[in-house]
Amino acid sequence: MKQYLGIDLGASGFKYGVGDSKHGLQHFANIRIRNKSLEELADIFAQILDDTRNMKIAGIGIGCPGTLHMADAKLVGKNPNLPELTGISVKELLPEHLALPIWVENDANLMALAEASLIDPSVVIGITVGSGIGCGIIQDQQIYHGAHGFAAEPGHCIMVPDGELCSCGQKGCLEAYSSVDGIRRRLRDLNSIYHDLNLPDLIFKRKEVKEIDQVITQGEEILIRALANLITVLDPQTVVLGGGAMELGLYSITHIQQQVLQYIPLAHREIVNIALARYKNQAGIMGAILLCERSAG
């Protein structure tokens, strides 16, 4: 079976691996981002290609945060996590002489694709909770893109009318309340002493600082309501929650499972499954490899 290089672009770093869907990853690594300039991003791609140069790779799959124009893989609209990528395709950051096929897809779509491949129901919703809120919808093992490629953006659905300003420019978005960056911005507005809190700090300090716990609790409640809305509208068999925040335990999967049931119609309650991502932090990479395998034919 051919091996592919999967790359998962995140706000804080690039995760990448080489492998295939049958045998999993044979190589896995992570490179942190410092300043998010195009020059640095291109240099990270060069480092990844150098690290994997002796591996027999048949193609490259890339998961990128933000809204992609499917025809040319360019990022459109605001991209708060990697703002320098707006208006270009990540393909432009790879060496021109690279003689390999390259496929690009939204990172949350790839996470959902990887998780759906493990459970095989007809409709899966994948939600990533990290610096932002990502989402992918899989129907019959295919990514649902919508009419223009912009489907599955609940992170920018208005959950609180005239609420907190989101990095997208709207007010009251799910992402402004439930993402890690949204929580950090809200806490910084409350008190400047929270300026440098990272995710592990947030999780640890919520046990002893009431206002941190209140902000995180509200973020979890708004996420629960958003999940209930998605389930009511899309009728999935499974909702998979992944991303760094879920993996580290920012929100309780047990509490989410229990509370979502209170907000969805009775018909859905006994048939929908809500679970944590099984591929964990490798889900985006495995999704990128699956994208390669399916696109290559």
C-alpha atoms as a PDB file:
ATOM      1  CA  MET A   1       0.000   0.000   0.000  1.00  0.00           C
ATOM      2  CA  LYS A   2       1.327   3.473  -0.867  1.00  0.00           C
ATOM      3  CA  GLN A   3       2.396   5.829   1.900  1.00  0.00           C
ATOM      4  CA  TYR A   4       1.394   9.481   2.078  1.00  0.00           C
ATOM      5  CA  LEU A   5       2.521  12.508   4.040  1.00  0.00           C
ATOM      6  CA  GLY A   6      -0.274  14.075   6.079  1.00  0.00           C
ATOM      7  CA  ILE A   7       0.199  17.593   7.496  1.00  0.00           C
ATOM      8  CA  ASP A   8      -2.144  19.219  10.005  1.00  0.00           C
ATOM      9  CA  LEU A   9      -1.732  22.994  10.260  1.00  0.00           C
ATOM     10  CA  GLY A  10      -2.633  24.438  13.641  1.00  0.00           C
ATOM     11  CA  ALA A  11      -2.459  27.848  15.259  1.00  0.00           C
ATOM     12  CA  SER A  12       0.532  26.848  17.402  1.00  0.00           C
ATOM     13  CA  GLY A  13       2.271  24.242  15.278  1.00  0.00           C
ATOM     14  CA  PHE A  14       2.309  21.781  12.380  1.00  0.00           C
ATOM     15  CA  LYS A  15       1.737  18.100  13.144  1.00  0.00           C
ATOM     16  CA  TYR A  16       2.709  15.667  10.417  1.00  0.00           C
ATOM     17  CA  GLY A  17       3.066  11.981   9.766  1.00  0.00           C
ATOM     18  CA  VAL A  18       3.750   9.392   7.085  1.00  0.00           C
ATOM     19  CA  GLY A  19       1.666   6.269   6.686  1.00  0.00           C
ATOM     20  CA  ASP A  20      -1.502   4.770   5.252  1.00  0.00           C
ATOM     21  CA  SER A  21      -5.006   4.021   6.460  1.00  0.00           C
ATOM     22  CA  LYS A  22      -4.373   0.284   6.869  1.00  0.00           C
ATOM     23  CA  HIS A  23      -1.172   0.364   8.911  1.00  0.00           C
ATOM     24  CA  GLY A  24      -1.478   3.794  10.540  1.00  0.00           C
ATOM     25  CA  LEU A  25       1.366   6.244  10.987  1.00  0.00           C
ATOM     26  CA  GLN A  26       4.922   5.009  10.573  1.00  0.00           C
ATOM     27  CA  HIS A  27       6.348   8.427  11.442  1.00  0.00           C
ATOM     28  CA  PHE A  28       4.934  11.307  13.505  1.00  0.00           C
ATOM     29  CA  ALA A  29       6.363  14.684  14.551  1.00  0.00           C
ATOM     30  CA  ASN A  30       5.391  18.246  15.475  1.00  0.00           C
ATOM     31  CA  ILE A  31       7.008  21.627  14.743  1.00  0.00           C
ATOM     32  CA  ARG A  32       5.938  24.706  16.703  1.00  0.00           C
ATOM     33  CA  ILE A  33       5.151  28.052  15.036  1.00  0.00           C
ATOM     34  CA  ARG A  34       6.837  31.179  16.397  1.00  0.00           C
ATOM     35  CA  ASN A  35       5.669  34.236  14.428  1.00  0.00           C
ATOM     36  CA  LYS A  36       3.210  32.894  11.782  1.00  0.00           C
ATOM     37  CA  SER A  37       4.879  34.783   8.905  1.00  0.00           C
ATOM     38  CA  LEU A  38       4.680  33.271   5.431  1.00  0.00           C
ATOM     39  CA  GLU A  39       8.461  32.909   5.476  1.00  0.00           C
ATOM     40  CA  GLU A  40       8.335  30.858   8.655  1.00  0.00           C
ATOM     41  CA  LEU A  41       5.459  28.714   7.400  1.00  0.00           C
ATOM     42  CA  ALA A  42       7.355  27.983   4.172  1.00  0.00           C
ATOM     43  CA  ASP A  43      10.427  27.108   6.239  1.00  0.00           C
ATOM     44  CA  ILE A  44       8.392  24.646   8.334  1.00  0.00           C
ATOM     45  CA  PHE A  45       7.157  22.936   5.171  1.00  0.00           C
ATOM     46  CA  ALA A  46      10.789  22.702   4.048  1.00  0.00           C
ATOM     47  CA  GLN A  47      11.766  21.145   7.385  1.00  0.00           C
ATOM     48  CA  ILE A  48       8.969  18.574   7.076  1.00  0.00           C
ATOM     49  CA  LEU A  49      10.017  17.636   3.537  1.00  0.00           C
ATOM     50  CA  ASP A  50      13.632  17.328   4.674  1.00  0.00           C
ATOM     51  CA  ASP A  51      12.639  15.130   7.612  1.00  0.00           C
ATOM     52  CA  THR A  52      10.673  12.772   5.361  1.00  0.00           C
ATOM     53  CA  ARG A  53      12.930  12.886   2.307  1.00  0.00           C
ATOM     54  CA  ASN A  54      14.055   9.251   2.643  1.00  0.00           C
ATOM     55  CA  MET A  55      10.534   7.896   2.929  1.00  0.00           C
ATOM     56  CA  LYS A  56       8.689   6.728  -0.160  1.00  0.00           C
ATOM     57  CA  ILE A  57       5.803   9.193  -0.313  1.00  0.00           C
ATOM     58  CA  ALA A  58       3.195   9.059  -3.090  1.00  0.00           C
ATOM     59  CA  GLY A  59       1.553  12.392  -2.288  1.00  0.00           C
ATOM     60  CA  ILE A  60       0.830  15.031   0.349  1.00  0.00           C
ATOM     61  CA  GLY A  61      -2.418  15.849   2.124  1.00  0.00           C
ATOM     62  CA  ILE A  62      -2.737  19.115   4.055  1.00  0.00           C
ATOM     63  CA  GLY A  63      -5.371  20.102   6.581  1.00  0.00           C
ATOM     64  CA  CYS A  64      -5.704  23.858   6.916  1.00  0.00           C
ATOM     65  CA  PRO A  65      -7.846  25.910   9.328  1.00  0.00           C
ATOM     66  CA  GLY A  66     -10.264  28.388   7.819  1.00  0.00           C
ATOM     67  CA  THR A  67     -12.696  28.551   4.912  1.00  0.00           C
ATOM     68  CA  LEU A  68     -11.309  27.109   1.687  1.00  0.00           C
ATOM     69  CA  HIS A  69     -12.332  27.899  -1.871  1.00  0.00           C
ATOM     70  CA  MET A  70     -12.377  24.334  -3.162  1.00  0.00           C
ATOM     71  CA  ALA A  71     -11.492  25.138  -6.785  1.00  0.00           C
ATOM     72  CA  ASP A  72      -8.027  26.517  -5.960  1.00  0.00           C
ATOM     73  CA  ALA A  73      -7.600  25.697  -2.234  1.00  0.00           C
ATOM     74  CA  LYS A  74      -7.252  29.369  -1.345  1.00  0.00           C
ATOM     75  CA  LEU A  75      -8.317  30.578   2.081  1.00  0.00           C
ATOM     76  CA  VAL A  76     -11.105  33.141   1.922  1.00  0.00           C
ATOM     77  CA  GLY A  77     -12.448  35.515   4.554  1.00  0.00           C
ATOM     78  CA  LYS A  78     -10.725  36.013   7.869  1.00  0.00           C
ATOM     79  CA  ASN A  79      -8.401  33.324   9.188  1.00  0.00           C
ATOM     80  CA  PRO A  80      -7.626  34.340  12.792  1.00  0.00           C
ATOM     81  CA  ASN A  81      -5.450  31.321  13.551  1.00  0.00           C
ATOM     82  CA  LEU A  82      -3.060  31.793  10.612  1.00  0.00           C
ATOM     83  CA  PRO A  83      -3.915  35.267   9.277  1.00  0.00           C
ATOM     84  CA  GLU A  84      -1.033  35.448   6.794  1.00  0.00           C
ATOM     85  CA  LEU A  85      -2.585  32.606   4.777  1.00  0.00           C
ATOM     86  CA  THR A  86      -5.727  34.558   3.882  1.00  0.00           C
ATOM     87  CA  GLY A  87      -6.060  34.878   0.106  1.00  0.00           C
ATOM     88  CA  ILE A  88      -3.471  32.251  -0.793  1.00  0.00           C
ATOM     89  CA  SER A  89      -3.213  28.477  -0.978  1.00  0.00           C
ATOM     90  CA  VAL A  90      -0.774  26.633   1.259  1.00  0.00           C
ATOM     91  CA  LYS A  91       0.410  24.891  -1.913  1.00  0.00           C
ATOM     92  CA  GLU A  92       2.203  28.147  -2.749  1.00  0.00           C
ATOM     93  CA  LEU A  93       4.440  27.663   0.296  1.00  0.00           C
ATOM     94  CA  LEU A  94       5.801  24.346  -0.936  1.00  0.00           C
ATOM     95  CA  PRO A  95       8.825  24.161  -3.289  1.00  0.00           C
ATOM     96  CA  GLU A  96       7.894  24.609  -6.948  1.00  0.00           C
ATOM     97  CA  HIS A  97      10.058  21.648  -7.978  1.00  0.00           C
ATOM     98  CA  LEU A  98       8.159  19.250  -5.722  1.00  0.00           C
ATOM     99  CA  ALA A  99       7.048  16.421  -8.021  1.00  0.00           C
ATOM    100  CA  LEU A 100       4.219  15.097  -5.872  1.00  0.00           C
ATOM    101  CA  PRO A 101       0.437  15.538  -5.983  1.00  0.00           C
ATOM    102  CA  ILE A 102      -0.871  17.785  -3.196  1.00  0.00           C
ATOM    103  CA  TRP A 103      -4.411  17.869  -1.822  1.00  0.00           C
ATOM    104  CA  VAL A 104      -5.701  20.510   0.595  1.00  0.00           C
ATOM    105  CA  GLU A 105      -8.809  20.368   2.783  1.00  0.00           C
ATOM    106  CA  ASN A 106     -10.206  22.091   5.862  1.00  0.00           C
ATOM    107  CA  ASP A 107      -8.586  20.598   8.959  1.00  0.00           C
ATOM    108  CA  ALA A 108     -11.846  19.874  10.815  1.00  0.00           C
ATOM    109  CA  ASN A 109     -13.245  18.131   7.728  1.00  0.00           C
ATOM    110  CA  LEU A 110     -10.217  15.834   7.784  1.00  0.00           C
ATOM    111  CA  MET A 111     -10.585  15.128  11.492  1.00  0.00           C
ATOM    112  CA  ALA A 112     -14.213  14.156  10.892  1.00  0.00           C
ATOM    113  CA  LEU A 113     -13.260  12.026   7.873  1.00  0.00           C
ATOM    114  CA  ALA A 114     -10.680  10.087   9.901  1.00  0.00           C
ATOM    115  CA  GLU A 115     -13.063   9.477  12.795  1.00  0.00           C
ATOM    116  CA  ALA A 116     -15.889   8.445  10.475  1.00  0.00           C
ATOM    117  CA  SER A 117     -13.612   5.841   8.899  1.00  0.00           C
ATOM    118  CA  LEU A 118     -13.353   4.102  12.281  1.00  0.00           C
ATOM    119  CA  ILE A 119     -17.080   3.848  12.978  1.00  0.00           C
ATOM    120  CA  ASP A 120     -18.710   3.866   9.523  1.00  0.00           C
ATOM    121  CA  PRO A 121     -22.182   5.325  10.237  1.00  0.00           C
ATOM    122  CA  SER A 122     -23.866   7.238   7.430  1.00  0.00           C
ATOM    123  CA  VAL A 123     -23.747  10.689   9.086  1.00  0.00           C
ATOM    124  CA  VAL A 124     -20.956  11.885  11.401  1.00  0.00           C
ATOM    125  CA  ILE A 125     -20.332  15.370  12.764  1.00  0.00           C
ATOM    126  CA  GLY A 126     -16.781  16.077  13.921  1.00  0.00           C
ATOM    127  CA  ILE A 127     -16.114  19.062  16.180  1.00  0.00           C
ATOM    128  CA  THR A 128     -12.633  20.302  17.042  1.00  0.00           C
ATOM    129  CA  VAL A 129     -12.202  22.495  20.106  1.00  0.00           C
ATOM    130  CA  GLY A 130      -8.877  24.290  20.242  1.00  0.00           C
ATOM    131  CA  SER A 131      -7.719  27.797  19.413  1.00  0.00           C
ATOM    132  CA  GLY A 132     -10.943  27.996  17.408  1.00  0.00           C
ATOM    133  CA  ILE A 133     -13.977  25.784  16.847  1.00  0.00           C
ATOM    134  CA  GLY A 134     -13.899  23.626  13.739  1.00  0.00           C
ATOM    135  CA  CYS A 135     -16.484  21.281  12.278  1.00  0.00           C
ATOM    136  CA  GLY A 136     -16.759  18.653   9.579  1.00  0.00           C
ATOM    137  CA  ILE A 137     -19.828  16.796   8.314  1.00  0.00           C
ATOM    138  CA  ILE A 138     -19.375  13.343   6.803  1.00  0.00           C
ATOM    139  CA  GLN A 139     -22.173  11.642   4.882  1.00  0.00           C
ATOM    140  CA  ASP A 140     -21.582   8.122   3.580  1.00  0.00           C
ATOM    141  CA  GLN A 141     -17.829   8.553   4.135  1.00  0.00           C
ATOM    142  CA  GLN A 142     -17.751  11.721   2.012  1.00  0.00           C
ATOM    143  CA  ILE A 143     -17.106  15.275   3.190  1.00  0.00           C
ATOM    144  CA  TYR A 144     -20.124  17.520   2.864  1.00  0.00           C
ATOM    145  CA  HIS A 145     -18.910  20.857   1.486  1.00  0.00           C
ATOM    146  CA  GLY A 146     -22.174  22.681   0.803  1.00  0.00           C
ATOM    147  CA  ALA A 147     -22.893  24.660  -2.361  1.00  0.00           C
ATOM    148  CA  HIS A 148     -19.652  26.679  -2.320  1.00  0.00           C
ATOM    149  CA  GLY A 149     -17.325  24.636  -0.115  1.00  0.00           C
ATOM    150  CA  PHE A 150     -18.071  26.704   2.981  1.00  0.00           C
ATOM    151  CA  ALA A 151     -20.278  24.284   4.939  1.00  0.00           C
ATOM    152  CA  ALA A 152     -19.896  23.347   8.607  1.00  0.00           C
ATOM    153  CA  GLU A 153     -18.865  26.558  10.355  1.00  0.00           C
ATOM    154  CA  PRO A 154     -20.817  26.476  13.641  1.00  0.00           C
ATOM    155  CA  GLY A 155     -17.945  28.317  15.306  1.00  0.00           C
ATOM    156  CA  HIS A 156     -19.272  31.450  13.623  1.00  0.00           C
ATOM    157  CA  CYS A 157     -22.946  30.891  14.307  1.00  0.00           C
ATOM    158  CA  ILE A 158     -24.385  33.556  16.609  1.00  0.00           C
ATOM    159  CA  MET A 159     -25.119  32.004  19.992  1.00  0.00           C
ATOM    160  CA  VAL A 160     -25.366  35.224  22.041  1.00  0.00           C
ATOM    161  CA  PRO A 161     -27.065  38.150  20.230  1.00  0.00           C
ATOM    162  CA  ASP A 162     -24.851  41.249  20.360  1.00  0.00           C
ATOM    163  CA  GLY A 163     -22.430  39.277  22.529  1.00  0.00           C
ATOM    164  CA  GLU A 164     -18.654  39.132  22.735  1.00  0.00           C
ATOM    165  CA  LEU A 165     -16.666  40.230  19.690  1.00  0.00           C
ATOM    166  CA  CYS A 166     -15.328  37.268  17.740  1.00  0.00           C
ATOM    167  CA  SER A 167     -12.063  37.236  15.805  1.00  0.00           C
ATOM    168  CA  CYS A 168     -14.163  36.914  12.621  1.00  0.00           C
ATOM    169  CA  GLY A 169     -15.648  40.389  13.228  1.00  0.00           C
ATOM    170  CA  GLN A 170     -19.128  39.278  14.289  1.00  0.00           C
ATOM    171  CA  LYS A 171     -20.484  39.445  17.820  1.00  0.00           C
ATOM    172  CA  GLY A 172     -21.708  36.503  19.866  1.00  0.00           C
ATOM    173  CA  CYS A 173     -20.184  33.615  17.896  1.00  0.00           C
ATOM    174  CA  LEU A 174     -19.769  30.187  19.456  1.00  0.00           C
ATOM    175  CA  GLU A 175     -16.004  30.552  18.960  1.00  0.00           C
ATOM    176  CA  ALA A 176     -15.931  33.779  20.979  1.00  0.00           C
ATOM    177  CA  TYR A 177     -17.216  31.872  24.018  1.00  0.00           C
ATOM    178  CA  SER A 178     -16.184  28.237  23.720  1.00  0.00           C
ATOM    179  CA  SER A 179     -12.786  28.170  21.986  1.00  0.00           C
ATOM    180  CA  VAL A 180      -9.543  28.406  23.945  1.00  0.00           C
ATOM    181  CA  ASP A 181      -8.668  31.767  22.386  1.00  0.00           C
ATOM    182  CA  GLY A 182     -12.194  33.035  23.073  1.00  0.00           C
ATOM    183  CA  ILE A 183     -11.951  32.052  26.738  1.00  0.00           C
ATOM    184  CA  ARG A 184      -8.510  33.642  27.055  1.00  0.00           C
ATOM    185  CA  ARG A 185      -9.710  36.897  25.474  1.00  0.00           C
ATOM    186  CA  ARG A 186     -12.686  37.067  27.836  1.00  0.00           C
ATOM    187  CA  LEU A 187     -10.472  36.447  30.860  1.00  0.00           C
ATOM    188  CA  ARG A 188      -7.944  39.081  29.755  1.00  0.00           C
ATOM    189  CA  ASP A 189     -10.809  41.566  29.482  1.00  0.00           C
ATOM    190  CA  LEU A 190     -11.801  40.708  33.057  1.00  0.00           C
ATOM    191  CA  ASN A 191      -8.305  40.980  34.496  1.00  0.00           C
ATOM    192  CA  SER A 192      -4.907  41.562  32.891  1.00  0.00           C
ATOM    193  CA  ILE A 193      -3.289  39.013  35.215  1.00  0.00           C
ATOM    194  CA  TYR A 194      -4.746  36.309  32.965  1.00  0.00           C
ATOM    195  CA  HIS A 195      -2.814  37.561  29.920  1.00  0.00           C
ATOM    196  CA  ASP A 196      -0.311  34.689  29.745  1.00  0.00           C
ATOM    197  CA  LEU A 197      -2.509  31.762  30.763  1.00  0.00           C
ATOM    198  CA  ASN A 198      -2.122  28.763  28.475  1.00  0.00           C
ATOM    199  CA  LEU A 199      -4.571  25.867  28.212  1.00  0.00           C
ATOM    200  CA  PRO A 200      -3.071  23.680  30.983  1.00  0.00           C
ATOM    201  CA  ASP A 201      -3.019  26.758  33.274  1.00  0.00           C
ATOM    202  CA  LEU A 202      -6.692  27.446  32.540  1.00  0.00           C
ATOM    203  CA  ILE A 203      -7.673  23.890  33.348  1.00  0.00           C
ATOM    204  CA  PHE A 204      -5.648  23.839  36.566  1.00  0.00           C
ATOM    205  CA  LYS A 205      -6.614  27.280  37.855  1.00  0.00           C
ATOM    206  CA  ARG A 206     -10.353  26.915  37.293  1.00  0.00           C
ATOM    207  CA  LYS A 207     -10.409  24.716  40.404  1.00  0.00           C
ATOM    208  CA  GLU A 208      -9.276  27.606  42.584  1.00  0.00           C
ATOM    209  CA  VAL A 209     -10.288  30.796  40.731  1.00  0.00           C
ATOM    210  CA  LYS A 210     -14.034  31.378  40.546  1.00  0.00           C
ATOM    211  CA  GLU A 211     -14.080  33.763  37.560  1.00  0.00           C
ATOM    212  CA  ILE A 212     -11.983  31.385  35.441  1.00  0.00           C
ATOM    213  CA  ASP A 213     -14.376  28.568  36.280  1.00  0.00           C
ATOM    214  CA  GLN A 214     -17.379  30.768  35.414  1.00  0.00           C
ATOM    215  CA  VAL A 215     -16.001  31.692  31.972  1.00  0.00           C
ATOM    216  CA  ILE A 216     -15.122  28.075  31.133  1.00  0.00           C
ATOM    217  CA  THR A 217     -18.468  26.821  32.423  1.00  0.00           C
ATOM    218  CA  GLN A 218     -20.308  29.319  30.228  1.00  0.00           C
ATOM    219  CA  GLY A 219     -18.201  28.252  27.251  1.00  0.00           C
ATOM    220  CA  GLU A 220     -19.144  24.635  27.860  1.00  0.00           C
ATOM    221  CA  GLU A 221     -22.844  25.464  28.189  1.00  0.00           C
ATOM    222  CA  ILE A 222     -22.864  27.416  24.916  1.00  0.00           C
ATOM    223  CA  LEU A 223     -21.004  24.578  23.174  1.00  0.00           C
ATOM    224  CA  ILE A 224     -23.617  22.119  24.472  1.00  0.00           C
ATOM    225  CA  ARG A 225     -26.446  24.206  23.024  1.00  0.00           C
ATOM    226  CA  ALA A 226     -24.615  24.485  19.688  1.00  0.00           C
ATOM    227  CA  LEU A 227     -24.151  20.701  19.557  1.00  0.00           C
ATOM    228  CA  ALA A 228     -27.845  20.210  20.316  1.00  0.00           C
ATOM    229  CA  ASN A 229     -28.740  22.545  17.443  1.00  0.00           C
ATOM    230  CA  LEU A 230     -26.474  20.640  15.047  1.00  0.00           C
ATOM    231  CA  ILE A 231     -27.982  17.305  16.068  1.00  0.00           C
ATOM    232  CA  THR A 232     -31.525  18.627  15.696  1.00  0.00           C
ATOM    233  CA  VAL A 233     -30.834  20.004  12.217  1.00  0.00           C
ATOM    234  CA  LEU A 234     -28.563  17.288  10.777  1.00  0.00           C
ATOM    235  CA  ASP A 235     -29.735  14.087  12.535  1.00  0.00           C
ATOM    236  CA  PRO A 236     -26.305  12.392  12.793  1.00  0.00           C
ATOM    237  CA  GLN A 237     -25.696   8.964  14.262  1.00  0.00           C
ATOM    238  CA  THR A 238     -22.475  10.144  15.896  1.00  0.00           C
ATOM    239  CA  VAL A 239     -20.922  13.407  17.051  1.00  0.00           C
ATOM    240  CA  VAL A 240     -17.176  13.182  17.651  1.00  0.00           C
ATOM    241  CA  LEU A 241     -15.406  15.794  19.778  1.00  0.00           C
ATOM    242  CA  GLY A 242     -11.682  16.312  19.298  1.00  0.00           C
ATOM    243  CA  GLY A 243      -8.994  18.967  19.380  1.00  0.00           C
ATOM    244  CA  GLY A 244      -6.455  19.878  22.030  1.00  0.00           C
ATOM    245  CA  ALA A 245      -8.990  21.339  24.461  1.00  0.00           C
ATOM    246  CA  MET A 246     -11.099  18.176  24.557  1.00  0.00           C
ATOM    247  CA  GLU A 247      -8.041  15.956  24.778  1.00  0.00           C
ATOM    248  CA  LEU A 248      -6.729  17.867  27.813  1.00  0.00           C
ATOM    249  CA  GLY A 249     -10.129  17.962  29.496  1.00  0.00           C
ATOM    250  CA  LEU A 250     -11.171  21.604  29.263  1.00  0.00           C
ATOM    251  CA  TYR A 251     -14.754  20.374  28.943  1.00  0.00           C
ATOM    252  CA  SER A 252     -16.249  17.211  30.434  1.00  0.00           C
ATOM    253  CA  ILE A 253     -17.386  14.734  27.786  1.00  0.00           C
ATOM    254  CA  THR A 254     -19.695  13.108  30.356  1.00  0.00           C
ATOM    255  CA  HIS A 255     -21.377  16.427  31.166  1.00  0.00           C
ATOM    256  CA  ILE A 256     -21.718  17.236  27.459  1.00  0.00           C
ATOM    257  CA  GLN A 257     -23.282  13.829  26.747  1.00  0.00           C
ATOM    258  CA  GLN A 258     -25.791  14.273  29.565  1.00  0.00           C
ATOM    259  CA  GLN A 259     -26.725  17.879  28.875  1.00  0.00           C
ATOM    260  CA  VAL A 260     -27.071  17.678  25.105  1.00  0.00           C
ATOM    261  CA  LEU A 261     -29.864  15.162  25.623  1.00  0.00           C
ATOM    262  CA  GLN A 262     -31.836  17.807  27.512  1.00  0.00           C
ATOM    263  CA  TYR A 263     -31.852  20.115  24.466  1.00  0.00           C
ATOM    264  CA  ILE A 264     -32.655  17.759  21.605  1.00  0.00           C
ATOM    265  CA  PRO A 265     -36.022  16.308  20.524  1.00  0.00           C
ATOM    266  CA  LEU A 266     -37.068  13.019  22.086  1.00  0.00           C
ATOM    267  CA  ALA A 267     -36.708  11.206  18.760  1.00  0.00           C
ATOM    268  CA  HIS A 268     -32.956  11.881  18.744  1.00  0.00           C
ATOM    269  CA  ARG A 269     -32.154  11.047  22.345  1.00  0.00           C
ATOM    270  CA  GLU A 270     -31.854   7.279  22.107  1.00  0.00           C
ATOM    271  CA  ILE A 271     -30.117   7.116  18.744  1.00  0.00           C
ATOM    272  CA  VAL A 272     -27.362   9.759  18.765  1.00  0.00           C
ATOM    273  CA  ASN A 273     -23.912   8.932  20.109  1.00  0.00           C
ATOM    274  CA  ILE A 274     -21.514  11.602  21.404  1.00  0.00           C
ATOM    275  CA  ALA A 275     -17.898  10.517  21.874  1.00  0.00           C
ATOM    276  CA  LEU A 276     -14.313  11.705  22.071  1.00  0.00           C
ATOM    277  CA  ALA A 277     -12.103  11.404  18.987  1.00  0.00           C
ATOM    278  CA  ARG A 278     -10.302   8.061  18.935  1.00  0.00           C
ATOM    279  CA  TYR A 279      -7.405   9.265  16.787  1.00  0.00           C
ATOM    280  CA  LYS A 280      -6.860  12.132  19.292  1.00  0.00           C
ATOM    281  CA  ASN A 281      -4.147  14.553  18.105  1.00  0.00           C
ATOM    282  CA  GLN A 282      -3.425  12.434  15.019  1.00  0.00           C
ATOM    283  CA  ALA A 283      -6.962  12.680  13.609  1.00  0.00           C
ATOM    284  CA  GLY A 284      -6.172  15.528  11.200  1.00  0.00           C
ATOM    285  CA  ILE A 285      -3.090  13.736   9.889  1.00  0.00           C
ATOM    286  CA  MET A 286      -4.947  10.484   9.338  1.00  0.00           C
ATOM    287  CA  GLY A 287      -7.724  12.402   7.605  1.00  0.00           C
ATOM    288  CA  ALA A 288      -5.150  14.012   5.313  1.00  0.00           C
ATOM    289  CA  ILE A 289      -3.760  10.581   4.453  1.00  0.00           C
ATOM    290  CA  LEU A 290      -7.268   9.274   3.744  1.00  0.00           C
ATOM    291  CA  LEU A 291      -7.842  12.298   1.494  1.00  0.00           C
ATOM    292  CA  CYS A 292      -4.711  11.380  -0.449  1.00  0.00           C
ATOM    293  CA  GLU A 293      -5.702   7.734  -0.822  1.00  0.00           C
ATOM    294  CA  ARG A 294      -9.207   8.562  -2.043  1.00  0.00           C
ATOM    295  CA  SER A 295      -8.090  11.385  -4.334  1.00  0.00           C
ATOM    296  CA  ALA A 296      -5.308   9.339  -5.911  1.00  0.00           C
ATOM    297  CA  GLY A 297      -7.770   6.584  -6.774  1.00  0.00           C
END
